[in-house]
């Protein structure tokens, strides 16, 4: 009689399953740390990367991202290639190794050339024998050299800043006039560029022929620095300037586990508000960049393949032929072989409808994010009007998207992604309205303070007619000041009724009004 028993096989199998589940549980609870090379601490890439790292940690506690500062794109790519980091940001025009894989487009960088005030440099072709400040061995230096080579310029004297701590834009020699100009690849509204053109009166120079430059480097794009991008009145620049733009990419090593890449991609797409809120308050203007995060495509001209983890997330809702057959298999079996052609035709129509849904959803998202563009209007009243018009249009877009969801013109997943963009955009617009309201209140208070100071000026010398011996003149002056005060109060009250002032700002203005009245 055989001594065979199922327990001899089932018990080891059961123990193996328990062991496997235990190992899986330990792995699931383990916190994984990834290192992200992100450029200079003062740059948008680094600041946004820090915010992304915080959002990832919040939504995926088992994944931590350590952001390190570097000299820029060139060093980031070197670190990624050597395996010293798992993630890196980079300009799209800087060639990457075969180890690099794309996760997302973060935002668009702009080529910006600033020269000294009253400089003889008016076009990029005037740069011969001029000193241009750049960071040594950076992506910016490679981009600049590619542009100057295209124009066939004689060697430009490059004043490179060594890449050593502390990394900063401030050591480039422009402020001390040791450099004739500065070249940076930065977003519009960059703090340092704004300082150069406003505080040091630097002049922005156009970089033309971007379409032709794109022939030499497909990653280059045509762009424009809008009139008033850095100041509304007087406008800086005084007119729109043509220039070149490149995408800023988030890259990963191709060997990085697709699970972590998918979690990062999910955070970028689904938790944009967390990213925006994680940006430092002093850099709140960067929140508009968050809405520009998008899926990379072949159109950006880098040739960098997408990471399989990112692809898995982006294609999560894309229907497959296999799933389509599973859902409708019984029908095709019943109809038999002649149904194959019909099945393929229906599948093609099914894919077309899905693509239409995706395109419509992307249109809604793009329209919502366009409202994030900075307003160049200086007057806080007019700027509030522009912002409220944007809010009204945003609400209309939300209603259209909701209707499209009900009519199944877009999917629930697409609507949720749109809602994230809508929420982020609304938050930014509300913040800008509040800022404009505070500016308006400050303007009213400044008018009241100025009026009270004028009314308390020392009495003119006796040789003038406006003396204490002339009560009529003194009384007339007081009456004029009171009339001005009443006019300012009327403007304040009108602004409150028009919701241009908050209740708190209104009360502050009233306090200033009472103080001015007592002094008159």
Protein backbone atom coordinates (compact mmCIF):
# COMPACT_ATOMS: atom_id res chain seq x y z
CA UNK A 1 0.00 0.00 0.00
CA UNK A 2 1.43 3.37 -0.98
CA UNK A 3 2.26 5.88 1.73
CA UNK A 4 1.56 8.80 -0.64
CA UNK A 5 -0.38 11.61 0.96
CA UNK A 6 -1.45 14.96 -0.49
CA UNK A 7 -0.16 16.65 2.67
CA UNK A 8 3.41 15.90 1.62
CA UNK A 9 2.95 18.24 -1.34
CA UNK A 10 0.35 20.69 -0.05
CA UNK A 11 2.21 21.59 3.12
CA UNK A 12 5.43 22.72 1.37
CA UNK A 13 3.32 24.55 -1.22
CA UNK A 14 1.36 26.29 1.51
CA UNK A 15 4.58 27.29 3.31
CA UNK A 16 6.07 28.58 0.05
CA UNK A 17 2.98 30.71 -0.56
CA UNK A 18 3.17 32.13 2.96
CA UNK A 19 6.85 32.90 2.50
CA UNK A 20 6.18 34.59 -0.82
CA UNK A 21 3.38 36.69 0.65
CA UNK A 22 5.63 37.66 3.56
CA UNK A 23 8.43 38.76 1.24
CA UNK A 24 5.96 40.71 -0.91
CA UNK A 25 4.54 42.41 2.19
CA UNK A 26 7.99 43.43 3.37
CA UNK A 27 8.83 44.80 -0.08
CA UNK A 28 5.53 46.69 -0.21
CA UNK A 29 6.20 48.35 3.16
CA UNK A 30 9.81 49.20 2.39
CA UNK A 31 10.50 52.85 1.57
CA UNK A 32 12.45 53.28 -1.66
CA UNK A 33 14.58 56.39 -2.17
CA UNK A 34 15.37 57.74 -5.61
CA UNK A 35 17.77 60.60 -6.37
CA UNK A 36 16.71 63.35 -8.79
CA UNK A 37 19.31 65.70 -10.32
CA UNK A 38 17.54 69.02 -10.88
CA UNK A 39 19.92 71.94 -11.55
CA UNK A 40 20.57 75.17 -9.67
CA UNK A 41 18.65 75.71 -6.38
CA UNK A 42 17.38 79.06 -7.70
CA UNK A 43 16.10 77.60 -10.97
CA UNK A 44 12.53 76.63 -11.79
CA UNK A 45 13.58 73.04 -12.49
CA UNK A 46 14.94 72.53 -8.99
CA UNK A 47 12.03 74.27 -7.24
CA UNK A 48 9.45 72.31 -9.21
CA UNK A 49 11.33 69.05 -8.61
CA UNK A 50 11.24 69.66 -4.86
CA UNK A 51 7.48 70.21 -5.05
CA UNK A 52 7.07 67.03 -7.11
CA UNK A 53 9.08 65.06 -4.55
CA UNK A 54 6.80 66.27 -1.74
CA UNK A 55 3.66 65.40 -3.71
CA UNK A 56 5.00 61.91 -4.50
CA UNK A 57 5.81 61.29 -0.81
CA UNK A 58 2.33 62.45 0.19
CA UNK A 59 0.48 60.19 -2.24
CA UNK A 60 2.93 57.26 -2.29
CA UNK A 61 4.57 57.02 1.17
CA UNK A 62 6.69 54.04 0.08
CA UNK A 63 8.52 56.24 -2.44
CA UNK A 64 10.84 59.08 -1.45
CA UNK A 65 12.67 61.32 -3.92
CA UNK A 66 15.83 63.15 -2.88
CA UNK A 67 16.42 66.24 -5.03
CA UNK A 68 20.03 67.37 -5.48
CA UNK A 69 21.37 70.59 -7.00
CA UNK A 70 23.69 70.46 -10.00
CA UNK A 71 25.22 72.68 -12.68
CA UNK A 72 22.35 72.00 -15.07
CA UNK A 73 21.18 69.70 -17.83
CA UNK A 74 24.62 68.52 -18.98
CA UNK A 75 25.64 67.34 -15.52
CA UNK A 76 22.19 65.88 -14.89
CA UNK A 77 22.50 63.67 -17.96
CA UNK A 78 26.03 62.62 -16.99
CA UNK A 79 24.81 61.57 -13.54
CA UNK A 80 21.90 59.67 -15.09
CA UNK A 81 24.19 57.86 -17.52
CA UNK A 82 26.65 56.88 -14.76
CA UNK A 83 23.85 55.48 -12.60
CA UNK A 84 24.52 57.91 -9.74
CA UNK A 85 20.93 59.19 -10.00
CA UNK A 86 17.74 57.48 -11.13
CA UNK A 87 15.94 60.65 -12.25
CA UNK A 88 17.01 63.89 -13.93
CA UNK A 89 15.62 67.04 -15.48
CA UNK A 90 17.03 68.24 -18.78
CA UNK A 91 16.56 70.63 -21.66
CA UNK A 92 15.12 68.77 -24.62
CA UNK A 93 17.84 70.06 -26.96
CA UNK A 94 20.69 68.40 -25.03
CA UNK A 95 21.41 64.91 -26.43
CA UNK A 96 20.78 62.12 -23.92
CA UNK A 97 22.35 58.67 -23.79
CA UNK A 98 20.60 55.43 -24.67
CA UNK A 99 20.01 54.88 -20.94
CA UNK A 100 17.60 57.82 -20.67
CA UNK A 101 13.84 57.41 -20.82
CA UNK A 102 11.24 60.17 -20.71
CA UNK A 103 8.50 60.47 -18.08
CA UNK A 104 6.94 63.88 -18.72
CA UNK A 105 7.33 67.33 -20.20
CA UNK A 106 7.48 69.68 -17.22
CA UNK A 107 7.28 73.09 -18.91
CA UNK A 108 8.77 75.22 -21.68
CA UNK A 109 12.08 77.04 -21.30
CA UNK A 110 12.85 80.24 -23.23
CA UNK A 111 16.22 81.38 -24.59
CA UNK A 112 16.76 84.83 -23.03
CA UNK A 113 19.70 87.09 -23.88
CA UNK A 114 20.11 90.21 -21.73
CA UNK A 115 22.73 92.89 -22.47
CA UNK A 116 23.90 95.94 -20.59
CA UNK A 117 21.89 99.21 -20.85
CA UNK A 118 23.04 101.46 -23.72
CA UNK A 119 24.83 98.48 -25.23
CA UNK A 120 25.77 98.42 -28.92
CA UNK A 121 24.31 94.89 -29.07
CA UNK A 122 20.89 95.09 -30.72
CA UNK A 123 20.80 91.72 -32.48
CA UNK A 124 22.45 88.40 -31.83
CA UNK A 125 24.70 89.04 -34.82
CA UNK A 126 26.32 91.88 -32.81
CA UNK A 127 27.83 89.45 -30.29
CA UNK A 128 31.20 89.05 -32.00
CA UNK A 129 34.03 89.95 -29.60
CA UNK A 130 31.53 90.57 -26.80
CA UNK A 131 31.68 88.94 -23.37
CA UNK A 132 28.67 86.77 -22.55
CA UNK A 133 28.27 85.23 -19.08
CA UNK A 134 27.31 81.56 -18.89
CA UNK A 135 27.62 78.72 -16.43
CA UNK A 136 30.51 76.42 -17.30
CA UNK A 137 29.75 73.01 -18.87
CA UNK A 138 26.00 73.62 -18.67
CA UNK A 139 23.16 72.88 -21.05
CA UNK A 140 22.80 76.64 -21.50
CA UNK A 141 26.36 76.87 -22.78
CA UNK A 142 25.74 74.11 -25.33
CA UNK A 143 22.50 75.77 -26.48
CA UNK A 144 24.19 79.16 -26.82
CA UNK A 145 27.09 77.75 -28.79
CA UNK A 146 24.70 76.00 -31.15
CA UNK A 147 22.89 79.29 -31.81
CA UNK A 148 26.10 81.26 -32.41
CA UNK A 149 27.43 78.54 -34.71
CA UNK A 150 24.25 78.73 -36.76
CA UNK A 151 24.74 82.48 -37.23
CA UNK A 152 28.37 81.89 -38.22
CA UNK A 153 29.68 84.28 -35.59
CA UNK A 154 33.34 84.55 -34.77
CA UNK A 155 34.11 83.03 -31.39
CA UNK A 156 32.19 84.89 -28.71
CA UNK A 157 34.13 85.56 -25.51
CA UNK A 158 32.37 83.32 -23.01
CA UNK A 159 32.76 84.30 -19.38
CA UNK A 160 31.86 81.04 -17.68
CA UNK A 161 30.96 80.79 -14.02
CA UNK A 162 32.60 77.74 -12.39
CA UNK A 163 30.22 75.06 -11.28
CA UNK A 164 30.90 74.99 -7.56
CA UNK A 165 28.84 75.58 -4.41
CA UNK A 166 27.05 77.74 -3.70
CA UNK A 167 25.37 77.57 -7.10
CA UNK A 168 23.86 80.95 -8.00
CA UNK A 169 23.11 83.21 -10.96
CA UNK A 170 24.43 86.20 -9.05
CA UNK A 171 28.11 85.51 -9.76
CA UNK A 172 27.96 85.89 -13.54
CA UNK A 173 29.58 89.34 -13.76
CA UNK A 174 26.62 91.22 -15.27
CA UNK A 175 25.84 93.23 -12.17
CA UNK A 176 29.47 94.38 -11.91
CA UNK A 177 29.58 95.11 -15.68
CA UNK A 178 32.34 92.56 -16.19
CA UNK A 179 30.11 90.90 -18.80
CA UNK A 180 28.43 92.54 -21.78
CA UNK A 181 25.49 90.17 -21.55
CA UNK A 182 23.96 87.11 -19.94
CA UNK A 183 22.38 84.12 -21.67
CA UNK A 184 19.90 81.98 -19.77
CA UNK A 185 17.45 79.22 -20.64
CA UNK A 186 14.64 80.01 -18.21
CA UNK A 187 10.88 80.38 -18.06
CA UNK A 188 9.20 83.70 -18.77
CA UNK A 189 9.02 85.81 -15.63
CA UNK A 190 12.21 84.29 -14.17
CA UNK A 191 13.24 86.15 -10.99
CA UNK A 192 16.84 86.70 -12.05
CA UNK A 193 16.00 87.93 -15.55
CA UNK A 194 13.42 90.26 -14.00
CA UNK A 195 16.08 91.64 -11.66
CA UNK A 196 18.48 92.28 -14.55
CA UNK A 197 15.95 94.14 -16.69
CA UNK A 198 14.23 96.10 -13.92
CA UNK A 199 16.89 96.82 -11.31
CA UNK A 200 19.95 96.90 -13.60
CA UNK A 201 18.06 98.13 -16.72
CA UNK A 202 19.31 95.26 -18.90
CA UNK A 203 17.93 94.99 -22.43
CA UNK A 204 16.40 91.81 -23.85
CA UNK A 205 17.69 90.96 -27.33
CA UNK A 206 15.70 89.00 -29.97
CA UNK A 207 16.92 85.61 -31.21
CA UNK A 208 15.42 85.26 -34.66
CA UNK A 209 15.12 82.48 -37.27
CA UNK A 210 13.94 79.83 -34.81
CA UNK A 211 12.25 77.92 -37.66
CA UNK A 212 15.58 77.59 -39.44
CA UNK A 213 17.35 76.67 -36.20
CA UNK A 214 14.82 73.87 -35.79
CA UNK A 215 16.21 72.26 -38.96
CA UNK A 216 19.53 71.82 -37.18
CA UNK A 217 17.96 70.81 -33.85
CA UNK A 218 14.38 69.47 -33.96
CA UNK A 219 13.98 70.16 -30.23
CA UNK A 220 14.06 73.92 -30.88
CA UNK A 221 10.68 75.68 -31.08
CA UNK A 222 9.62 79.14 -32.14
CA UNK A 223 8.65 81.39 -29.24
CA UNK A 224 7.95 85.00 -28.38
CA UNK A 225 8.74 87.04 -25.30
CA UNK A 226 5.52 89.09 -25.04
CA UNK A 227 5.52 92.85 -24.74
CA UNK A 228 5.45 93.70 -21.04
CA UNK A 229 6.47 90.20 -19.90
CA UNK A 230 8.68 91.65 -17.14
CA UNK A 231 6.98 94.99 -16.51
CA UNK A 232 3.75 96.53 -17.71
CA UNK A 233 4.44 100.26 -17.45
CA UNK A 234 6.75 101.10 -19.05
CA UNK A 235 6.61 97.83 -20.94
CA UNK A 236 9.63 95.51 -20.65
CA UNK A 237 10.28 94.48 -23.33
CA UNK A 238 8.84 97.41 -25.26
CA UNK A 239 7.67 95.11 -28.09
CA UNK A 240 7.28 91.36 -28.63
CA UNK A 241 10.65 89.67 -29.20
CA UNK A 242 11.12 86.49 -31.26
CA UNK A 243 13.26 83.81 -29.61
CA UNK A 244 13.74 80.06 -29.22
CA UNK A 245 12.10 77.67 -26.76
CA UNK A 246 12.84 74.10 -25.63
CA UNK A 247 10.91 71.69 -23.47
CA UNK A 248 12.13 70.87 -19.97
CA UNK A 249 11.91 67.10 -19.50
CA UNK A 250 11.76 64.75 -16.55
CA UNK A 251 13.86 61.69 -17.39
CA UNK A 252 14.51 58.34 -15.74
CA UNK A 253 17.01 55.55 -16.15
CA UNK A 254 15.62 52.78 -18.33
CA UNK A 255 16.55 50.30 -15.57
CA UNK A 256 14.37 52.05 -12.98
CA UNK A 257 11.52 49.81 -11.80
CA UNK A 258 8.38 50.62 -13.77
CA UNK A 259 6.30 50.58 -10.56
CA UNK A 260 8.08 53.68 -9.24
CA UNK A 261 7.93 55.45 -12.58
CA UNK A 262 4.21 54.77 -12.83
CA UNK A 263 3.65 56.21 -9.35
CA UNK A 264 5.63 59.32 -10.26
CA UNK A 265 3.70 59.72 -13.51
CA UNK A 266 0.42 59.27 -11.69
CA UNK A 267 1.37 62.00 -9.22
CA UNK A 268 2.28 64.38 -12.05
CA UNK A 269 -1.05 63.81 -13.75
CA UNK A 270 -3.51 63.35 -10.90
CA UNK A 271 -2.10 65.42 -8.04
CA UNK A 272 -1.12 68.71 -9.64
CA UNK A 273 -2.75 70.71 -6.88
CA UNK A 274 -0.50 68.97 -4.33
CA UNK A 275 2.52 69.92 -6.45
CA UNK A 276 1.35 73.53 -6.75
CA UNK A 277 0.72 73.80 -3.01
CA UNK A 278 4.18 72.36 -2.27
CA UNK A 279 5.92 75.26 -4.04
CA UNK A 280 7.40 77.84 -1.61
CA UNK A 281 5.14 80.89 -1.04
CA UNK A 282 7.86 83.22 -2.31
CA UNK A 283 7.79 81.32 -5.62
CA UNK A 284 4.01 81.03 -5.94
CA UNK A 285 4.23 82.42 -9.50
CA UNK A 286 5.62 79.03 -10.53
CA UNK A 287 2.25 77.39 -9.87
CA UNK A 288 1.26 78.14 -13.43
CA UNK A 289 4.03 75.78 -14.59
CA UNK A 290 2.28 72.83 -12.95
CA UNK A 291 -0.57 72.94 -15.44
CA UNK A 292 1.94 72.61 -18.30
CA UNK A 293 3.05 69.14 -17.21
CA UNK A 294 2.16 66.81 -20.06
CA UNK A 295 2.85 63.51 -21.74
CA UNK A 296 6.00 63.51 -23.90
CA UNK A 297 5.58 62.89 -27.59
CA UNK A 298 7.73 62.39 -30.66
CA UNK A 299 6.95 65.96 -31.68
CA UNK A 300 9.44 67.41 -29.17
CA UNK A 301 12.29 66.15 -31.35
CA UNK A 302 14.46 64.43 -28.73
CA UNK A 303 14.19 60.84 -29.90
CA UNK A 304 14.15 59.74 -26.24
CA UNK A 305 11.84 56.73 -25.78
CA UNK A 306 9.20 56.82 -23.10
CA UNK A 307 9.80 54.76 -19.98
CA UNK A 308 7.65 51.64 -19.84
CA UNK A 309 6.28 52.70 -16.45
CA UNK A 310 5.17 56.06 -17.80
CA UNK A 311 3.71 54.41 -20.90
CA UNK A 312 1.76 52.00 -18.72
CA UNK A 313 0.17 54.92 -16.89
CA UNK A 314 -0.58 57.06 -19.96
CA UNK A 315 -2.18 54.08 -21.73
CA UNK A 316 -4.11 52.87 -18.68
CA UNK A 317 -7.48 53.70 -20.23
CA UNK A 318 -6.63 52.83 -23.80
CA UNK A 319 -8.79 49.89 -24.92
CA UNK A 320 -7.09 46.80 -26.32
CA UNK A 321 -8.32 44.40 -28.93
CA UNK A 322 -8.09 41.57 -26.39
CA UNK A 323 -10.33 43.36 -23.88
CA UNK A 324 -12.73 44.23 -26.68
CA UNK A 325 -12.99 40.54 -27.69
CA UNK A 326 -13.52 39.49 -24.07
CA UNK A 327 -16.38 41.95 -23.70
CA UNK A 328 -18.06 40.99 -26.99
CA UNK A 329 -16.76 37.45 -27.54
CA UNK A 330 -20.08 35.68 -27.07
CA UNK A 331 -21.65 37.76 -29.82
CA UNK A 332 -18.91 36.94 -32.30
CA UNK A 333 -19.02 33.22 -31.44
CA UNK A 334 -22.75 33.19 -32.08
CA UNK A 335 -22.40 34.95 -35.44
CA UNK A 336 -19.48 32.80 -36.54
CA UNK A 337 -16.58 33.51 -38.90
CA UNK A 338 -18.31 36.14 -41.06
CA UNK A 339 -18.35 38.38 -37.98
CA UNK A 340 -14.55 38.77 -37.99
CA UNK A 341 -14.59 41.54 -40.59
CA UNK A 342 -17.42 43.27 -38.75
CA UNK A 343 -15.52 42.89 -35.49
CA UNK A 344 -12.45 44.59 -36.93
CA UNK A 345 -14.57 47.38 -38.41
CA UNK A 346 -16.34 47.92 -35.08
CA UNK A 347 -12.98 47.86 -33.31
CA UNK A 348 -11.65 50.57 -35.60
CA UNK A 349 -14.72 52.75 -34.95
CA UNK A 350 -14.33 52.05 -31.23
CA UNK A 351 -10.74 53.28 -31.27
CA UNK A 352 -11.73 56.38 -33.25
CA UNK A 353 -14.41 57.24 -30.70
CA UNK A 354 -11.94 56.74 -27.85
CA UNK A 355 -9.45 59.04 -29.57
CA UNK A 356 -12.15 61.67 -30.08
CA UNK A 357 -12.90 61.52 -26.35
CA UNK A 358 -9.22 61.97 -25.55
CA UNK A 359 -8.85 64.89 -27.96
CA UNK A 360 -11.91 66.66 -26.56
CA UNK A 361 -10.68 66.20 -23.01
CA UNK A 362 -7.25 67.57 -23.96
CA UNK A 363 -8.95 70.62 -25.51
CA UNK A 364 -10.79 71.31 -22.25
CA UNK A 365 -7.58 70.92 -20.24
CA UNK A 366 -5.59 73.15 -22.60
CA UNK A 367 -8.23 75.89 -22.52
CA UNK A 368 -8.32 75.77 -18.73
CA UNK A 369 -4.55 76.02 -18.37
CA UNK A 370 -4.29 78.91 -20.84
CA UNK A 371 -5.95 81.08 -18.21
CA UNK A 372 -2.81 80.67 -16.10
CA UNK A 373 -0.86 83.06 -18.34
CA UNK A 374 0.35 86.09 -16.40
CA UNK A 375 -1.54 89.35 -16.93
CA UNK A 376 0.57 92.31 -18.05
CA UNK A 377 -1.99 94.96 -17.04
CA UNK A 378 -0.52 97.27 -14.37
CA UNK A 379 -3.71 98.89 -13.04
CA UNK A 380 -5.10 96.59 -10.30
CA UNK A 381 -8.70 97.45 -11.18
CA UNK A 382 -8.31 96.50 -14.84
CA UNK A 383 -6.27 93.45 -13.90
CA UNK A 384 -9.06 92.24 -11.61
CA UNK A 385 -11.53 92.66 -14.45
CA UNK A 386 -9.34 90.51 -16.71
CA UNK A 387 -9.00 87.89 -13.97
CA UNK A 388 -12.74 87.77 -13.29
CA UNK A 389 -13.41 87.36 -17.01
CA UNK A 390 -11.00 84.44 -16.96
CA UNK A 391 -12.85 82.92 -13.99
CA UNK A 392 -16.17 83.28 -15.80
CA UNK A 393 -14.77 81.58 -18.89
CA UNK A 394 -13.26 78.86 -16.69
CA UNK A 395 -16.66 78.15 -15.14
CA UNK A 396 -18.17 77.92 -18.62
CA UNK A 397 -15.48 75.42 -19.60
CA UNK A 398 -16.25 73.38 -16.49
CA UNK A 399 -19.94 73.27 -17.38
CA UNK A 400 -19.09 72.21 -20.94
CA UNK A 401 -16.83 69.44 -19.66
CA UNK A 402 -19.49 68.26 -17.22
CA UNK A 403 -22.05 68.16 -20.02
CA UNK A 404 -19.59 66.22 -22.18
CA UNK A 405 -19.18 63.72 -19.35
CA UNK A 406 -22.93 63.23 -19.04
CA UNK A 407 -23.18 62.72 -22.82
CA UNK A 408 -20.24 60.28 -22.68
CA UNK A 409 -18.22 62.53 -24.99
CA UNK A 410 -15.34 62.26 -22.51
CA UNK A 411 -14.49 59.54 -20.01
CA UNK A 412 -14.70 59.84 -16.24
CA UNK A 413 -10.91 59.55 -16.04
CA UNK A 414 -10.46 62.41 -18.49
CA UNK A 415 -12.96 64.55 -16.60
CA UNK A 416 -11.11 63.91 -13.36
CA UNK A 417 -7.85 65.04 -14.99
CA UNK A 418 -9.61 68.16 -16.31
CA UNK A 419 -11.05 68.84 -12.87
CA UNK A 420 -7.53 68.77 -11.41
CA UNK A 421 -6.40 71.38 -13.96
CA UNK A 422 -9.58 73.41 -13.34
CA UNK A 423 -9.01 73.41 -9.56
CA UNK A 424 -5.36 74.43 -9.87
CA UNK A 425 -6.17 77.21 -12.35
CA UNK A 426 -9.00 78.56 -10.20
CA UNK A 427 -6.75 78.60 -7.13
CA UNK A 428 -4.10 80.59 -8.99
CA UNK A 429 -6.65 83.07 -10.40
CA UNK A 430 -8.24 83.59 -6.97
CA UNK A 431 -4.78 84.25 -5.53
CA UNK A 432 -4.02 86.81 -8.24
CA UNK A 433 -7.34 88.58 -7.64
CA UNK A 434 -6.49 88.80 -3.94
CA UNK A 435 -3.08 90.24 -4.79
CA UNK A 436 -4.61 92.82 -7.11
CA UNK A 437 -7.10 93.75 -4.37
CA UNK A 438 -4.25 94.28 -1.93
CA UNK A 439 -2.40 96.43 -4.48
CA UNK A 440 -5.52 98.57 -4.94
CA UNK A 441 -5.87 99.00 -1.18
CA UNK A 442 -2.20 99.98 -0.93
CA UNK A 443 -2.77 102.57 -3.65
CA UNK A 444 -5.71 104.11 -1.79
CA UNK A 445 -3.77 104.16 1.48
CA UNK A 446 -0.79 105.81 -0.26
CA UNK A 447 -3.13 108.52 -1.61
CA UNK A 448 -4.57 109.12 1.88
CA UNK A 449 -1.14 109.27 3.50
CA UNK A 450 0.11 111.66 0.82
CA UNK A 451 -2.92 113.90 1.32
CA UNK A 452 -2.51 113.96 5.11
CA UNK A 453 1.19 114.81 4.75
CA UNK A 454 0.43 117.70 2.41
CA UNK A 455 -2.14 119.07 4.86
CA UNK A 456 0.38 119.07 7.74
CA UNK A 457 3.28 120.79 5.88
CA UNK A 458 5.01 123.66 7.78
CA UNK A 459 3.42 127.07 7.43
CA UNK A 460 4.95 129.05 4.53
CA UNK A 461 7.10 132.11 5.36
CA UNK A 462 5.29 135.42 6.01
CA UNK A 463 6.30 136.75 2.60
CA UNK A 464 3.83 134.38 0.97
CA UNK A 465 0.13 134.98 0.91
CA UNK A 466 -0.84 131.63 2.47
CA UNK A 467 -0.10 132.56 6.11
CA UNK A 468 -1.99 132.29 9.33
CA UNK A 469 -2.86 135.98 8.88
CA UNK A 470 -4.82 134.94 5.82
CA UNK A 471 -7.52 132.64 7.21
CA UNK A 472 -9.42 132.64 3.92
CA UNK A 473 -6.51 131.02 2.05
CA UNK A 474 -5.93 128.55 4.87
CA UNK A 475 -9.62 127.63 4.95
CA UNK A 476 -9.67 127.21 1.18
CA UNK A 477 -6.74 124.83 1.31
CA UNK A 478 -8.45 122.78 4.01
CA UNK A 479 -11.64 122.63 1.96
CA UNK A 480 -9.72 121.43 -1.10
CA UNK A 481 -8.07 118.69 0.97
CA UNK A 482 -11.43 117.64 2.40
CA UNK A 483 -12.89 117.44 -1.10
CA UNK A 484 -9.97 115.28 -2.24
CA UNK A 485 -10.46 113.11 0.83
CA UNK A 486 -14.16 112.71 0.07
CA UNK A 487 -13.35 111.75 -3.53
CA UNK A 488 -10.90 109.07 -2.39
CA UNK A 489 -13.50 107.71 0.05
CA UNK A 490 -16.06 107.56 -2.75
CA UNK A 491 -13.60 105.59 -4.91
CA UNK A 492 -12.94 103.21 -2.01
CA UNK A 493 -16.67 102.62 -1.48
CA UNK A 494 -17.19 102.05 -5.22
CA UNK A 495 -14.35 99.53 -5.27
CA UNK A 496 -15.99 97.67 -2.39
CA UNK A 497 -19.33 97.55 -4.20
CA UNK A 498 -17.57 96.30 -7.36
CA UNK A 499 -15.83 93.62 -5.23
CA UNK A 500 -12.44 95.10 -6.12
CA UNK A 501 -11.66 95.33 -2.41
CA UNK A 502 -12.14 92.69 0.25
CA UNK A 503 -13.93 93.57 3.48
CA UNK A 504 -10.64 93.44 5.34
CA UNK A 505 -8.90 95.75 2.85
CA UNK A 506 -11.89 98.10 3.01
CA UNK A 507 -11.63 98.34 6.80
CA UNK A 508 -7.91 99.07 6.53
CA UNK A 509 -8.63 101.86 4.03
CA UNK A 510 -11.29 103.30 6.35
CA UNK A 511 -8.79 103.41 9.22
CA UNK A 512 -6.36 105.30 6.99
CA UNK A 513 -9.18 107.63 5.93
CA UNK A 514 -10.07 108.46 9.56
CA UNK A 515 -6.44 109.24 10.37
CA UNK A 516 -6.18 111.52 7.34
CA UNK A 517 -9.41 113.29 8.29
CA UNK A 518 -8.14 113.99 11.79
CA UNK A 519 -4.97 115.59 10.42
CA UNK A 520 -6.72 117.84 7.90
